[in-house]
Amino acid sequence: MVQLKNLIVIFAFFAIVECLNNGLVRTPPMGWMSWTKFYCEIDCIKHPKGCINEDLYASQADRMAKDGYKDVGYEYIHIDDCWMSMQRDRAGRLTANATRFPHGIKWLADYVHNLGLKFAIYEDYGTKTCGGYPGSLGHLQTDANTFAQWDVDYLKLDGCYAEESEMPKGYPEMERDLNATGRPIVYACSWPAYLISEQDKVNYTEISQHCNLWRNFDDINRSWKSILSIIDWYNLFQDKMAAVHGPGQWNDPDMIIAGNSELTDDQARAQMTIWSIWSAPLIMSNDLRDITPNQKEILQNKEVIAIDQDPLGHFGKLIVNVSYPFMWIF
């Protein structure tokens, strides 16, 4: 029971029906992602422990495997934006930045796999990624094949520098290209996140037929205010989202920022609790090398994780909201 302020909130649970037919992420994915902690930091001279390079991901994978996170269900190590070279090679294929990833992406994927974890990568449906690196538009099949050859287990496909009107065509196209590789690859879409102010255009039934999970709302940042803004938005559109939420197809309210110094322990507990009530993906963005014992315990709370990982995949919905000091009631 976590005391917050100004509300009494009770959640109920509701089931859904259909799912993306690739057999993956039958419970919400759990892992670690670099973005909200490290963003697009590429200066490895000034920030040797905090820049986007192979050492960062290898060190986070080490901590996930050896510090108990893997044991409670965390399994994906996610590269985010800014890992690439600024140009494709002569065959039109993506390549990693040679200075920051000297061994290449396949080496890093093997490193992660050898720890008993899974490997996730980032791209963008548009002409460029949000950080200005090569996007997948015009190269969807090539990129899908490249990711399969690198033994990628999970793709996050963003939507910067893309036409919103093309997304209903482009995101399903990448799904087909990923499936055609023959490698099981979880597919995370940012499709509805680019329609935040146009909810009448968001067809979650269609999206759920092509994506294993999808971002709905603004990027989270390392603040309690950001968490509250996501909660408020999810409560507003919960009925529409809950209707398609369940095994193999998940609404994604963005990363778990528990473990960062910007959150108190109570705030970290609240985020873990609410995300688990939603059966949301539990993808941490923090520095696993530098987490307080209290917040590590919060992130590894087996009882809370069990709620998130319930195989029925129910989406907890807000059913009471009144203006008094409040608590989450289960």
C-alpha atoms as a PDB file:
ATOM      1  CA  MET A   1       0.000   0.000   0.000  1.00  0.00           C
ATOM      2  CA  VAL A   2       1.595   3.258  -1.184  1.00  0.00           C
ATOM      3  CA  GLN A   3       0.257   6.570   0.109  1.00  0.00           C
ATOM      4  CA  LEU A   4       0.283   9.373  -2.480  1.00  0.00           C
ATOM      5  CA  LYS A   5      -1.984  12.469  -2.448  1.00  0.00           C
ATOM      6  CA  ASN A   6      -5.375  13.866  -3.442  1.00  0.00           C
ATOM      7  CA  LEU A   7      -7.037  10.672  -4.705  1.00  0.00           C
ATOM      8  CA  ILE A   8      -8.484   7.301  -3.742  1.00  0.00           C
ATOM      9  CA  VAL A   9      -7.955   4.945  -6.652  1.00  0.00           C
ATOM     10  CA  ILE A  10      -9.271   1.448  -7.122  1.00  0.00           C
ATOM     11  CA  PHE A  11      -8.387  -0.699 -10.114  1.00  0.00           C
ATOM     12  CA  ALA A  12     -10.383  -3.530 -11.635  1.00  0.00           C
ATOM     13  CA  PHE A  13      -9.064  -6.034 -14.148  1.00  0.00           C
ATOM     14  CA  PHE A  14     -10.410  -6.754 -17.597  1.00  0.00           C
ATOM     15  CA  ALA A  15      -9.422  -9.312 -20.225  1.00  0.00           C
ATOM     16  CA  ILE A  16      -9.059  -9.078 -23.998  1.00  0.00           C
ATOM     17  CA  VAL A  17      -9.402 -11.410 -26.916  1.00  0.00           C
ATOM     18  CA  GLU A  18      -7.010 -11.542 -29.854  1.00  0.00           C
ATOM     19  CA  CYS A  19      -3.234 -11.262 -30.193  1.00  0.00           C
ATOM     20  CA  LEU A  20      -0.450 -10.899 -32.744  1.00  0.00           C
ATOM     21  CA  ASN A  21       0.164 -14.376 -34.070  1.00  0.00           C
ATOM     22  CA  ASN A  22       3.940 -14.718 -33.628  1.00  0.00           C
ATOM     23  CA  GLY A  23       3.794 -16.463 -30.258  1.00  0.00           C
ATOM     24  CA  LEU A  24       6.076 -13.959 -28.510  1.00  0.00           C
ATOM     25  CA  VAL A  25       5.879 -11.982 -25.225  1.00  0.00           C
ATOM     26  CA  ARG A  26       2.853 -13.812 -23.880  1.00  0.00           C
ATOM     27  CA  THR A  27       3.540 -11.905 -20.682  1.00  0.00           C
ATOM     28  CA  PRO A  28       4.786  -8.297 -20.724  1.00  0.00           C
ATOM     29  CA  PRO A  29       8.478  -8.050 -21.670  1.00  0.00           C
ATOM     30  CA  MET A  30      10.956  -7.153 -18.943  1.00  0.00           C
ATOM     31  CA  GLY A  31      14.423  -5.735 -19.415  1.00  0.00           C
ATOM     32  CA  TRP A  32      16.676  -2.696 -19.493  1.00  0.00           C
ATOM     33  CA  MET A  33      16.925   0.125 -22.051  1.00  0.00           C
ATOM     34  CA  SER A  34      19.461   2.936 -22.326  1.00  0.00           C
ATOM     35  CA  TRP A  35      17.421   5.926 -23.508  1.00  0.00           C
ATOM     36  CA  THR A  36      15.943   7.693 -20.485  1.00  0.00           C
ATOM     37  CA  LYS A  37      19.164   7.347 -18.498  1.00  0.00           C
ATOM     38  CA  PHE A  38      21.822   7.877 -21.194  1.00  0.00           C
ATOM     39  CA  TYR A  39      19.890   9.401 -24.139  1.00  0.00           C
ATOM     40  CA  CYS A  40      22.152  10.014 -27.167  1.00  0.00           C
ATOM     41  CA  GLU A  41      25.424  10.681 -25.359  1.00  0.00           C
ATOM     42  CA  ILE A  42      28.195   9.851 -27.839  1.00  0.00           C
ATOM     43  CA  ASP A  43      31.154  11.672 -26.252  1.00  0.00           C
ATOM     44  CA  CYS A  44      33.025   8.763 -24.720  1.00  0.00           C
ATOM     45  CA  ILE A  45      35.989  10.964 -23.771  1.00  0.00           C
ATOM     46  CA  LYS A  46      33.982  13.179 -21.430  1.00  0.00           C
ATOM     47  CA  HIS A  47      31.572  10.410 -20.400  1.00  0.00           C
ATOM     48  CA  PRO A  48      33.461   7.099 -20.524  1.00  0.00           C
ATOM     49  CA  LYS A  49      30.890   5.283 -18.338  1.00  0.00           C
ATOM     50  CA  GLY A  50      27.812   6.959 -19.776  1.00  0.00           C
ATOM     51  CA  CYS A  51      28.174   7.086 -23.543  1.00  0.00           C
ATOM     52  CA  ILE A  52      26.396   4.917 -26.095  1.00  0.00           C
ATOM     53  CA  ASN A  53      28.981   2.226 -26.800  1.00  0.00           C
ATOM     54  CA  GLU A  54      29.405  -1.512 -26.517  1.00  0.00           C
ATOM     55  CA  ASP A  55      30.943  -1.264 -23.049  1.00  0.00           C
ATOM     56  CA  LEU A  56      27.776   0.376 -21.688  1.00  0.00           C
ATOM     57  CA  TYR A  57      25.527  -2.431 -22.892  1.00  0.00           C
ATOM     58  CA  ALA A  58      27.937  -5.182 -21.921  1.00  0.00           C
ATOM     59  CA  SER A  59      28.285  -3.769 -18.403  1.00  0.00           C
ATOM     60  CA  GLN A  60      24.516  -3.425 -17.958  1.00  0.00           C
ATOM     61  CA  ALA A  61      24.061  -6.991 -19.215  1.00  0.00           C
ATOM     62  CA  ASP A  62      26.619  -8.167 -16.654  1.00  0.00           C
ATOM     63  CA  ARG A  63      24.728  -6.505 -13.841  1.00  0.00           C
ATOM     64  CA  MET A  64      21.369  -7.811 -15.027  1.00  0.00           C
ATOM     65  CA  ALA A  65      22.686 -11.369 -15.151  1.00  0.00           C
ATOM     66  CA  LYS A  66      24.690 -11.287 -11.922  1.00  0.00           C
ATOM     67  CA  ASP A  67      22.738  -9.009  -9.567  1.00  0.00           C
ATOM     68  CA  GLY A  68      19.424 -10.853  -9.404  1.00  0.00           C
ATOM     69  CA  TYR A  69      17.457  -9.046 -12.130  1.00  0.00           C
ATOM     70  CA  LYS A  70      17.539 -11.986 -14.517  1.00  0.00           C
ATOM     71  CA  ASP A  71      16.371 -14.284 -11.715  1.00  0.00           C
ATOM     72  CA  VAL A  72      13.110 -12.328 -11.265  1.00  0.00           C
ATOM     73  CA  GLY A  73      12.318 -12.075 -14.989  1.00  0.00           C
ATOM     74  CA  TYR A  74      14.270  -9.210 -16.571  1.00  0.00           C
ATOM     75  CA  GLU A  75      15.779 -10.527 -19.796  1.00  0.00           C
ATOM     76  CA  TYR A  76      16.104  -7.961 -22.630  1.00  0.00           C
ATOM     77  CA  ILE A  77      19.083  -5.623 -23.033  1.00  0.00           C
ATOM     78  CA  HIS A  78      17.958  -2.798 -25.327  1.00  0.00           C
ATOM     79  CA  ILE A  79      20.168  -0.647 -27.494  1.00  0.00           C
ATOM     80  CA  ASP A  80      18.365   2.602 -28.256  1.00  0.00           C
ATOM     81  CA  ASP A  81      19.125   5.415 -30.722  1.00  0.00           C
ATOM     82  CA  CYS A  82      22.595   6.635 -31.817  1.00  0.00           C
ATOM     83  CA  TRP A  83      24.307   3.252 -32.179  1.00  0.00           C
ATOM     84  CA  MET A  84      24.739   3.485 -35.965  1.00  0.00           C
ATOM     85  CA  SER A  85      27.152   4.876 -38.468  1.00  0.00           C
ATOM     86  CA  MET A  86      25.814   7.983 -40.166  1.00  0.00           C
ATOM     87  CA  GLN A  87      25.768   6.209 -43.544  1.00  0.00           C
ATOM     88  CA  ARG A  88      24.733   2.782 -44.735  1.00  0.00           C
ATOM     89  CA  ASP A  89      27.359   0.595 -46.364  1.00  0.00           C
ATOM     90  CA  ARG A  90      27.624   0.123 -50.132  1.00  0.00           C
ATOM     91  CA  ALA A  91      25.067  -2.675 -50.049  1.00  0.00           C
ATOM     92  CA  GLY A  92      22.587  -0.416 -48.244  1.00  0.00           C
ATOM     93  CA  ARG A  93      22.968  -2.169 -44.904  1.00  0.00           C
ATOM     94  CA  LEU A  94      23.108  -0.579 -41.479  1.00  0.00           C
ATOM     95  CA  THR A  95      26.419  -0.661 -39.666  1.00  0.00           C
ATOM     96  CA  ALA A  96      27.369   0.197 -36.089  1.00  0.00           C
ATOM     97  CA  ASN A  97      29.561   3.182 -35.300  1.00  0.00           C
ATOM     98  CA  ALA A  98      33.026   1.658 -35.619  1.00  0.00           C
ATOM     99  CA  THR A  99      34.585   3.744 -32.845  1.00  0.00           C
ATOM    100  CA  ARG A 100      31.968   3.095 -30.213  1.00  0.00           C
ATOM    101  CA  PHE A 101      31.082  -0.466 -31.300  1.00  0.00           C
ATOM    102  CA  PRO A 102      34.401  -1.796 -32.595  1.00  0.00           C
ATOM    103  CA  HIS A 103      33.340  -5.445 -32.366  1.00  0.00           C
ATOM    104  CA  GLY A 104      30.037  -4.860 -34.154  1.00  0.00           C
ATOM    105  CA  ILE A 105      26.456  -5.619 -33.179  1.00  0.00           C
ATOM    106  CA  LYS A 106      26.619  -9.375 -33.737  1.00  0.00           C
ATOM    107  CA  TRP A 107      29.428  -9.582 -31.172  1.00  0.00           C
ATOM    108  CA  LEU A 108      27.348  -7.635 -28.663  1.00  0.00           C
ATOM    109  CA  ALA A 109      24.298  -9.813 -29.282  1.00  0.00           C
ATOM    110  CA  ASP A 110      26.439 -12.901 -28.680  1.00  0.00           C
ATOM    111  CA  TYR A 111      27.797 -11.385 -25.470  1.00  0.00           C
ATOM    112  CA  VAL A 112      24.271 -10.771 -24.188  1.00  0.00           C
ATOM    113  CA  HIS A 113      23.088 -14.234 -25.235  1.00  0.00           C
ATOM    114  CA  ASN A 114      26.024 -15.898 -23.497  1.00  0.00           C
ATOM    115  CA  LEU A 115      24.768 -14.384 -20.243  1.00  0.00           C
ATOM    116  CA  GLY A 116      21.397 -16.065 -20.773  1.00  0.00           C
ATOM    117  CA  LEU A 117      19.731 -12.786 -21.784  1.00  0.00           C
ATOM    118  CA  LYS A 118      18.090 -11.499 -24.966  1.00  0.00           C
ATOM    119  CA  PHE A 119      19.156  -8.660 -27.231  1.00  0.00           C
ATOM    120  CA  ALA A 120      17.029  -5.746 -28.460  1.00  0.00           C
ATOM    121  CA  ILE A 121      17.800  -2.998 -30.978  1.00  0.00           C
ATOM    122  CA  TYR A 122      16.355   0.339 -32.124  1.00  0.00           C
ATOM    123  CA  GLU A 123      15.475   1.700 -35.540  1.00  0.00           C
ATOM    124  CA  ASP A 124      13.010   4.193 -37.005  1.00  0.00           C
ATOM    125  CA  TYR A 125      10.388   3.788 -39.703  1.00  0.00           C
ATOM    126  CA  GLY A 126      11.190   7.229 -41.175  1.00  0.00           C
ATOM    127  CA  THR A 127      14.054   8.548 -43.252  1.00  0.00           C
ATOM    128  CA  LYS A 128      16.115   9.183 -40.094  1.00  0.00           C
ATOM    129  CA  THR A 129      16.062   8.161 -36.463  1.00  0.00           C
ATOM    130  CA  CYS A 130      15.144  10.774 -33.869  1.00  0.00           C
ATOM    131  CA  GLY A 131      18.884  11.284 -33.335  1.00  0.00           C
ATOM    132  CA  GLY A 132      19.526  11.835 -37.048  1.00  0.00           C
ATOM    133  CA  TYR A 133      20.920   8.411 -37.980  1.00  0.00           C
ATOM    134  CA  PRO A 134      19.758   6.364 -41.007  1.00  0.00           C
ATOM    135  CA  GLY A 135      16.114   5.331 -40.839  1.00  0.00           C
ATOM    136  CA  SER A 136      14.506   2.242 -42.329  1.00  0.00           C
ATOM    137  CA  LEU A 137      12.248   3.904 -44.909  1.00  0.00           C
ATOM    138  CA  GLY A 138      13.074   2.296 -48.248  1.00  0.00           C
ATOM    139  CA  HIS A 139      15.163  -0.371 -46.502  1.00  0.00           C
ATOM    140  CA  LEU A 140      12.653  -2.291 -44.385  1.00  0.00           C
ATOM    141  CA  GLN A 141      13.393  -5.743 -45.790  1.00  0.00           C
ATOM    142  CA  THR A 142      17.150  -5.170 -45.757  1.00  0.00           C
ATOM    143  CA  ASP A 143      17.046  -4.023 -42.147  1.00  0.00           C
ATOM    144  CA  ALA A 144      14.840  -6.916 -41.046  1.00  0.00           C
ATOM    145  CA  ASN A 145      17.284  -9.352 -42.628  1.00  0.00           C
ATOM    146  CA  THR A 146      20.242  -7.560 -41.049  1.00  0.00           C
ATOM    147  CA  PHE A 147      18.681  -7.738 -37.588  1.00  0.00           C
ATOM    148  CA  ALA A 148      17.966 -11.452 -38.047  1.00  0.00           C
ATOM    149  CA  GLN A 149      21.563 -12.061 -39.158  1.00  0.00           C
ATOM    150  CA  TRP A 150      22.761 -10.287 -36.018  1.00  0.00           C
ATOM    151  CA  ASP A 151      20.524 -12.555 -33.873  1.00  0.00           C
ATOM    152  CA  VAL A 152      18.382  -9.687 -32.618  1.00  0.00           C
ATOM    153  CA  ASP A 153      15.455 -10.792 -30.429  1.00  0.00           C
ATOM    154  CA  TYR A 154      13.441  -7.562 -30.244  1.00  0.00           C
ATOM    155  CA  LEU A 155      13.043  -4.475 -32.434  1.00  0.00           C
ATOM    156  CA  LYS A 156      11.805  -1.086 -31.265  1.00  0.00           C
ATOM    157  CA  LEU A 157      10.705   0.861 -34.356  1.00  0.00           C
ATOM    158  CA  ASP A 158      10.313   4.596 -33.753  1.00  0.00           C
ATOM    159  CA  GLY A 159       8.473   7.080 -35.983  1.00  0.00           C
ATOM    160  CA  CYS A 160      10.559  10.240 -36.319  1.00  0.00           C
ATOM    161  CA  TYR A 161      10.926  11.719 -39.825  1.00  0.00           C
ATOM    162  CA  ALA A 162       7.985   9.652 -41.064  1.00  0.00           C
ATOM    163  CA  GLU A 163       4.643  10.712 -42.476  1.00  0.00           C
ATOM    164  CA  GLU A 164       1.829   9.802 -40.116  1.00  0.00           C
ATOM    165  CA  SER A 165      -0.347   8.906 -43.093  1.00  0.00           C
ATOM    166  CA  GLU A 166       2.190   6.244 -44.127  1.00  0.00           C
ATOM    167  CA  MET A 167       2.395   4.519 -40.740  1.00  0.00           C
ATOM    168  CA  PRO A 168      -0.647   2.229 -41.298  1.00  0.00           C
ATOM    169  CA  LYS A 169       1.244   0.887 -44.327  1.00  0.00           C
ATOM    170  CA  GLY A 170       4.821   0.973 -43.039  1.00  0.00           C
ATOM    171  CA  TYR A 171       4.516  -0.609 -39.608  1.00  0.00           C
ATOM    172  CA  PRO A 172       2.658  -3.701 -40.926  1.00  0.00           C
ATOM    173  CA  GLU A 173       5.221  -3.949 -43.721  1.00  0.00           C
ATOM    174  CA  MET A 174       8.052  -4.240 -41.213  1.00  0.00           C
ATOM    175  CA  GLU A 175       6.062  -6.871 -39.320  1.00  0.00           C
ATOM    176  CA  ARG A 176       5.841  -8.966 -42.483  1.00  0.00           C
ATOM    177  CA  ASP A 177       9.539  -8.481 -43.218  1.00  0.00           C
ATOM    178  CA  LEU A 178      10.522  -9.511 -39.695  1.00  0.00           C
ATOM    179  CA  ASN A 179       8.335 -12.622 -39.865  1.00  0.00           C
ATOM    180  CA  ALA A 180       9.788 -13.506 -43.263  1.00  0.00           C
ATOM    181  CA  THR A 181      13.287 -13.782 -41.783  1.00  0.00           C
ATOM    182  CA  GLY A 182      12.243 -16.867 -39.845  1.00  0.00           C
ATOM    183  CA  ARG A 183      13.767 -15.500 -36.634  1.00  0.00           C
ATOM    184  CA  PRO A 184      11.399 -14.794 -33.724  1.00  0.00           C
ATOM    185  CA  ILE A 185      11.710 -11.029 -33.160  1.00  0.00           C
ATOM    186  CA  VAL A 186       9.482  -9.110 -30.749  1.00  0.00           C
ATOM    187  CA  TYR A 187       8.091  -6.065 -32.527  1.00  0.00           C
ATOM    188  CA  ALA A 188       7.572  -2.825 -30.561  1.00  0.00           C
ATOM    189  CA  CYS A 189       5.913   0.019 -32.474  1.00  0.00           C
ATOM    190  CA  SER A 190       5.767   3.754 -31.794  1.00  0.00           C
ATOM    191  CA  TRP A 191       2.872   4.105 -34.219  1.00  0.00           C
ATOM    192  CA  PRO A 192       0.138   5.519 -31.903  1.00  0.00           C
ATOM    193  CA  ALA A 193       2.617   7.716 -30.005  1.00  0.00           C
ATOM    194  CA  TYR A 194       2.713  10.004 -33.047  1.00  0.00           C
ATOM    195  CA  LEU A 195      -1.066  10.463 -32.882  1.00  0.00           C
ATOM    196  CA  ILE A 196      -1.341  11.614 -29.251  1.00  0.00           C
ATOM    197  CA  SER A 197      -3.462  14.651 -30.118  1.00  0.00           C
ATOM    198  CA  GLU A 198      -5.513  12.748 -32.733  1.00  0.00           C
ATOM    199  CA  GLN A 199      -6.954   9.855 -30.777  1.00  0.00           C
ATOM    200  CA  ASP A 200      -9.828   9.476 -33.215  1.00  0.00           C
ATOM    201  CA  LYS A 201      -7.238   8.264 -35.753  1.00  0.00           C
ATOM    202  CA  VAL A 202      -5.780   5.583 -33.457  1.00  0.00           C
ATOM    203  CA  ASN A 203      -7.113   2.129 -34.321  1.00  0.00           C
ATOM    204  CA  TYR A 204      -5.750  -0.119 -31.577  1.00  0.00           C
ATOM    205  CA  THR A 205      -7.390  -3.176 -33.102  1.00  0.00           C
ATOM    206  CA  GLU A 206      -5.373  -2.657 -36.272  1.00  0.00           C
ATOM    207  CA  ILE A 207      -2.177  -1.832 -34.377  1.00  0.00           C
ATOM    208  CA  SER A 208      -2.497  -4.916 -32.179  1.00  0.00           C
ATOM    209  CA  GLN A 209      -2.736  -7.122 -35.266  1.00  0.00           C
ATOM    210  CA  HIS A 210       0.772  -6.092 -36.316  1.00  0.00           C
ATOM    211  CA  CYS A 211       2.716  -5.119 -33.170  1.00  0.00           C
ATOM    212  CA  ASN A 212       3.540  -6.978 -29.969  1.00  0.00           C
ATOM    213  CA  LEU A 213       3.593  -3.733 -28.014  1.00  0.00           C
ATOM    214  CA  TRP A 214       3.190  -0.067 -28.791  1.00  0.00           C
ATOM    215  CA  ARG A 215       3.948   3.285 -27.239  1.00  0.00           C
ATOM    216  CA  ASN A 216       0.852   5.457 -26.757  1.00  0.00           C
ATOM    217  CA  PHE A 217       2.040   8.658 -25.138  1.00  0.00           C
ATOM    218  CA  ASP A 218       4.969  11.035 -24.596  1.00  0.00           C
ATOM    219  CA  ASP A 219       8.443   9.819 -23.657  1.00  0.00           C
ATOM    220  CA  ILE A 220       8.936   9.420 -19.952  1.00  0.00           C
ATOM    221  CA  ASN A 221      11.674  11.433 -18.268  1.00  0.00           C
ATOM    222  CA  ARG A 222      13.355  11.005 -14.901  1.00  0.00           C
ATOM    223  CA  SER A 223      10.761  12.828 -12.792  1.00  0.00           C
ATOM    224  CA  TRP A 224       7.673  12.114 -10.713  1.00  0.00           C
ATOM    225  CA  LYS A 225       5.816  14.739 -12.736  1.00  0.00           C
ATOM    226  CA  SER A 226       6.389  12.704 -15.874  1.00  0.00           C
ATOM    227  CA  ILE A 227       5.064   9.554 -14.210  1.00  0.00           C
ATOM    228  CA  LEU A 228       1.931  11.398 -13.086  1.00  0.00           C
ATOM    229  CA  SER A 229       1.319  12.743 -16.595  1.00  0.00           C
ATOM    230  CA  ILE A 230       1.393   9.186 -17.975  1.00  0.00           C
ATOM    231  CA  ILE A 231      -0.980   7.947 -15.273  1.00  0.00           C
ATOM    232  CA  ASP A 232      -3.435  10.766 -15.986  1.00  0.00           C
ATOM    233  CA  TRP A 233      -3.349  10.093 -19.732  1.00  0.00           C
ATOM    234  CA  TYR A 234      -3.742   6.330 -19.342  1.00  0.00           C
ATOM    235  CA  ASN A 235      -6.705   6.812 -17.018  1.00  0.00           C
ATOM    236  CA  LEU A 236      -8.338   9.059 -19.607  1.00  0.00           C
ATOM    237  CA  PHE A 237      -8.096   6.511 -22.451  1.00  0.00           C
ATOM    238  CA  GLN A 238      -8.095   3.290 -20.448  1.00  0.00           C
ATOM    239  CA  ASP A 239     -11.242   1.777 -21.973  1.00  0.00           C
ATOM    240  CA  LYS A 240      -9.953   2.072 -25.514  1.00  0.00           C
ATOM    241  CA  MET A 241      -6.554   0.635 -24.585  1.00  0.00           C
ATOM    242  CA  ALA A 242      -7.826  -2.168 -22.365  1.00  0.00           C
ATOM    243  CA  ALA A 243      -9.983  -3.544 -25.182  1.00  0.00           C
ATOM    244  CA  VAL A 244      -6.937  -4.850 -27.084  1.00  0.00           C
ATOM    245  CA  HIS A 245      -4.476  -5.469 -24.241  1.00  0.00           C
ATOM    246  CA  GLY A 246      -3.320  -8.953 -23.322  1.00  0.00           C
ATOM    247  CA  PRO A 247      -0.970 -11.851 -24.127  1.00  0.00           C
ATOM    248  CA  GLY A 248       1.253 -10.946 -27.066  1.00  0.00           C
ATOM    249  CA  GLN A 249      -0.072  -7.389 -27.416  1.00  0.00           C
ATOM    250  CA  TRP A 250       0.679  -4.738 -24.819  1.00  0.00           C
ATOM    251  CA  ASN A 251       0.100  -1.039 -24.300  1.00  0.00           C
ATOM    252  CA  ASP A 252       3.478   0.452 -23.365  1.00  0.00           C
ATOM    253  CA  PRO A 253       3.461   3.463 -20.997  1.00  0.00           C
ATOM    254  CA  ASP A 254       7.264   3.689 -21.411  1.00  0.00           C
ATOM    255  CA  MET A 255      10.209   2.835 -19.235  1.00  0.00           C
ATOM    256  CA  ILE A 256      10.538   2.127 -15.535  1.00  0.00           C
ATOM    257  CA  ILE A 257      12.668   4.918 -14.076  1.00  0.00           C
ATOM    258  CA  ALA A 258      12.870   3.461 -10.578  1.00  0.00           C
ATOM    259  CA  GLY A 259      16.526   3.170  -9.672  1.00  0.00           C
ATOM    260  CA  ASN A 260      17.325   6.766 -10.590  1.00  0.00           C
ATOM    261  CA  SER A 261      18.130   9.348  -7.938  1.00  0.00           C
ATOM    262  CA  GLU A 262      15.381  11.663  -9.195  1.00  0.00           C
ATOM    263  CA  LEU A 263      12.747   9.382  -7.585  1.00  0.00           C
ATOM    264  CA  THR A 264      12.188   8.768  -3.905  1.00  0.00           C
ATOM    265  CA  ASP A 265      11.705   5.193  -2.785  1.00  0.00           C
ATOM    266  CA  ASP A 266       7.949   5.744  -2.423  1.00  0.00           C
ATOM    267  CA  GLN A 267       7.734   7.179  -5.931  1.00  0.00           C
ATOM    268  CA  ALA A 268       9.698   4.220  -7.292  1.00  0.00           C
ATOM    269  CA  ARG A 269       7.323   1.811  -5.524  1.00  0.00           C
ATOM    270  CA  ALA A 270       4.341   3.662  -6.949  1.00  0.00           C
ATOM    271  CA  GLN A 271       5.576   3.422 -10.528  1.00  0.00           C
ATOM    272  CA  MET A 272       6.383  -0.286 -10.229  1.00  0.00           C
ATOM    273  CA  THR A 273       2.978  -0.896  -8.646  1.00  0.00           C
ATOM    274  CA  ILE A 274       0.922   1.006 -11.200  1.00  0.00           C
ATOM    275  CA  TRP A 275       2.809  -0.346 -14.227  1.00  0.00           C
ATOM    276  CA  SER A 276       2.281  -3.858 -12.852  1.00  0.00           C
ATOM    277  CA  ILE A 277      -1.447  -3.252 -12.320  1.00  0.00           C
ATOM    278  CA  TRP A 278      -1.552  -2.277 -16.002  1.00  0.00           C
ATOM    279  CA  SER A 279       0.360  -5.442 -16.996  1.00  0.00           C
ATOM    280  CA  ALA A 280       2.753  -3.070 -18.725  1.00  0.00           C
ATOM    281  CA  PRO A 281       6.215  -3.883 -20.047  1.00  0.00           C
ATOM    282  CA  LEU A 282       8.772  -3.486 -17.264  1.00  0.00           C
ATOM    283  CA  ILE A 283      11.731  -2.046 -19.150  1.00  0.00           C
ATOM    284  CA  MET A 284      14.078  -0.256 -16.766  1.00  0.00           C
ATOM    285  CA  SER A 285      16.126   2.787 -17.761  1.00  0.00           C
ATOM    286  CA  ASN A 286      18.688   3.427 -15.060  1.00  0.00           C
ATOM    287  CA  ASP A 287      22.314   2.527 -14.347  1.00  0.00           C
ATOM    288  CA  LEU A 288      22.368  -0.987 -12.938  1.00  0.00           C
ATOM    289  CA  ARG A 289      25.921  -0.386 -11.762  1.00  0.00           C
ATOM    290  CA  ASP A 290      24.781   2.303  -9.333  1.00  0.00           C
ATOM    291  CA  ILE A 291      21.444   1.585  -7.659  1.00  0.00           C
ATOM    292  CA  THR A 292      20.662   1.894  -3.966  1.00  0.00           C
ATOM    293  CA  PRO A 293      19.763  -1.315  -2.104  1.00  0.00           C
ATOM    294  CA  ASN A 294      16.248   0.000  -1.448  1.00  0.00           C
ATOM    295  CA  GLN A 295      15.515   0.715  -5.098  1.00  0.00           C
ATOM    296  CA  LYS A 296      17.067  -2.557  -6.191  1.00  0.00           C
ATOM    297  CA  GLU A 297      14.677  -4.304  -3.821  1.00  0.00           C
ATOM    298  CA  ILE A 298      11.769  -2.356  -5.341  1.00  0.00           C
ATOM    299  CA  LEU A 299      12.790  -3.331  -8.872  1.00  0.00           C
ATOM    300  CA  GLN A 300      13.115  -6.981  -7.862  1.00  0.00           C
ATOM    301  CA  ASN A 301       9.939  -7.265  -5.795  1.00  0.00           C
ATOM    302  CA  LYS A 302       8.652 -10.705  -6.762  1.00  0.00           C
ATOM    303  CA  GLU A 303       5.101 -10.118  -5.536  1.00  0.00           C
ATOM    304  CA  VAL A 304       4.667  -6.969  -7.625  1.00  0.00           C
ATOM    305  CA  ILE A 305       6.319  -8.577 -10.652  1.00  0.00           C
ATOM    306  CA  ALA A 306       3.956 -11.545 -10.298  1.00  0.00           C
ATOM    307  CA  ILE A 307       0.997  -9.184 -10.764  1.00  0.00           C
ATOM    308  CA  ASP A 308       2.588  -7.755 -13.912  1.00  0.00           C
ATOM    309  CA  GLN A 309       3.438 -11.205 -15.253  1.00  0.00           C
ATOM    310  CA  ASP A 310       0.087 -12.852 -14.605  1.00  0.00           C
ATOM    311  CA  PRO A 311      -0.477 -15.031 -17.698  1.00  0.00           C
ATOM    312  CA  LEU A 312      -4.002 -13.677 -18.198  1.00  0.00           C
ATOM    313  CA  GLY A 313      -2.538 -10.255 -19.011  1.00  0.00           C
ATOM    314  CA  HIS A 314      -5.391  -8.221 -17.547  1.00  0.00           C
ATOM    315  CA  PHE A 315      -5.237  -4.430 -17.761  1.00  0.00           C
ATOM    316  CA  GLY A 316      -6.066  -2.799 -14.427  1.00  0.00           C
ATOM    317  CA  LYS A 317      -8.511   0.074 -14.841  1.00  0.00           C
ATOM    318  CA  LEU A 318      -9.284   3.078 -12.668  1.00  0.00           C
ATOM    319  CA  ILE A 319     -12.819   2.792 -11.301  1.00  0.00           C
ATOM    320  CA  VAL A 320     -12.879   5.328  -8.424  1.00  0.00           C
ATOM    321  CA  ASN A 321     -11.218   8.751  -8.256  1.00  0.00           C
ATOM    322  CA  VAL A 322     -12.104  11.211  -5.499  1.00  0.00           C
ATOM    323  CA  SER A 323     -10.223  14.199  -4.071  1.00  0.00           C
ATOM    324  CA  TYR A 324      -8.768  12.898  -0.807  1.00  0.00           C
ATOM    325  CA  PRO A 325      -5.376  11.501   0.171  1.00  0.00           C
ATOM    326  CA  PHE A 326      -5.326   8.209  -1.594  1.00  0.00           C
ATOM    327  CA  MET A 327      -3.868   4.732  -1.758  1.00  0.00           C
ATOM    328  CA  TRP A 328      -3.693   2.022  -4.396  1.00  0.00           C
ATOM    329  CA  ILE A 329      -6.063  -0.761  -3.407  1.00  0.00           C
ATOM    330  CA  PHE A 330      -5.630  -4.253  -4.825  1.00  0.00           C
END
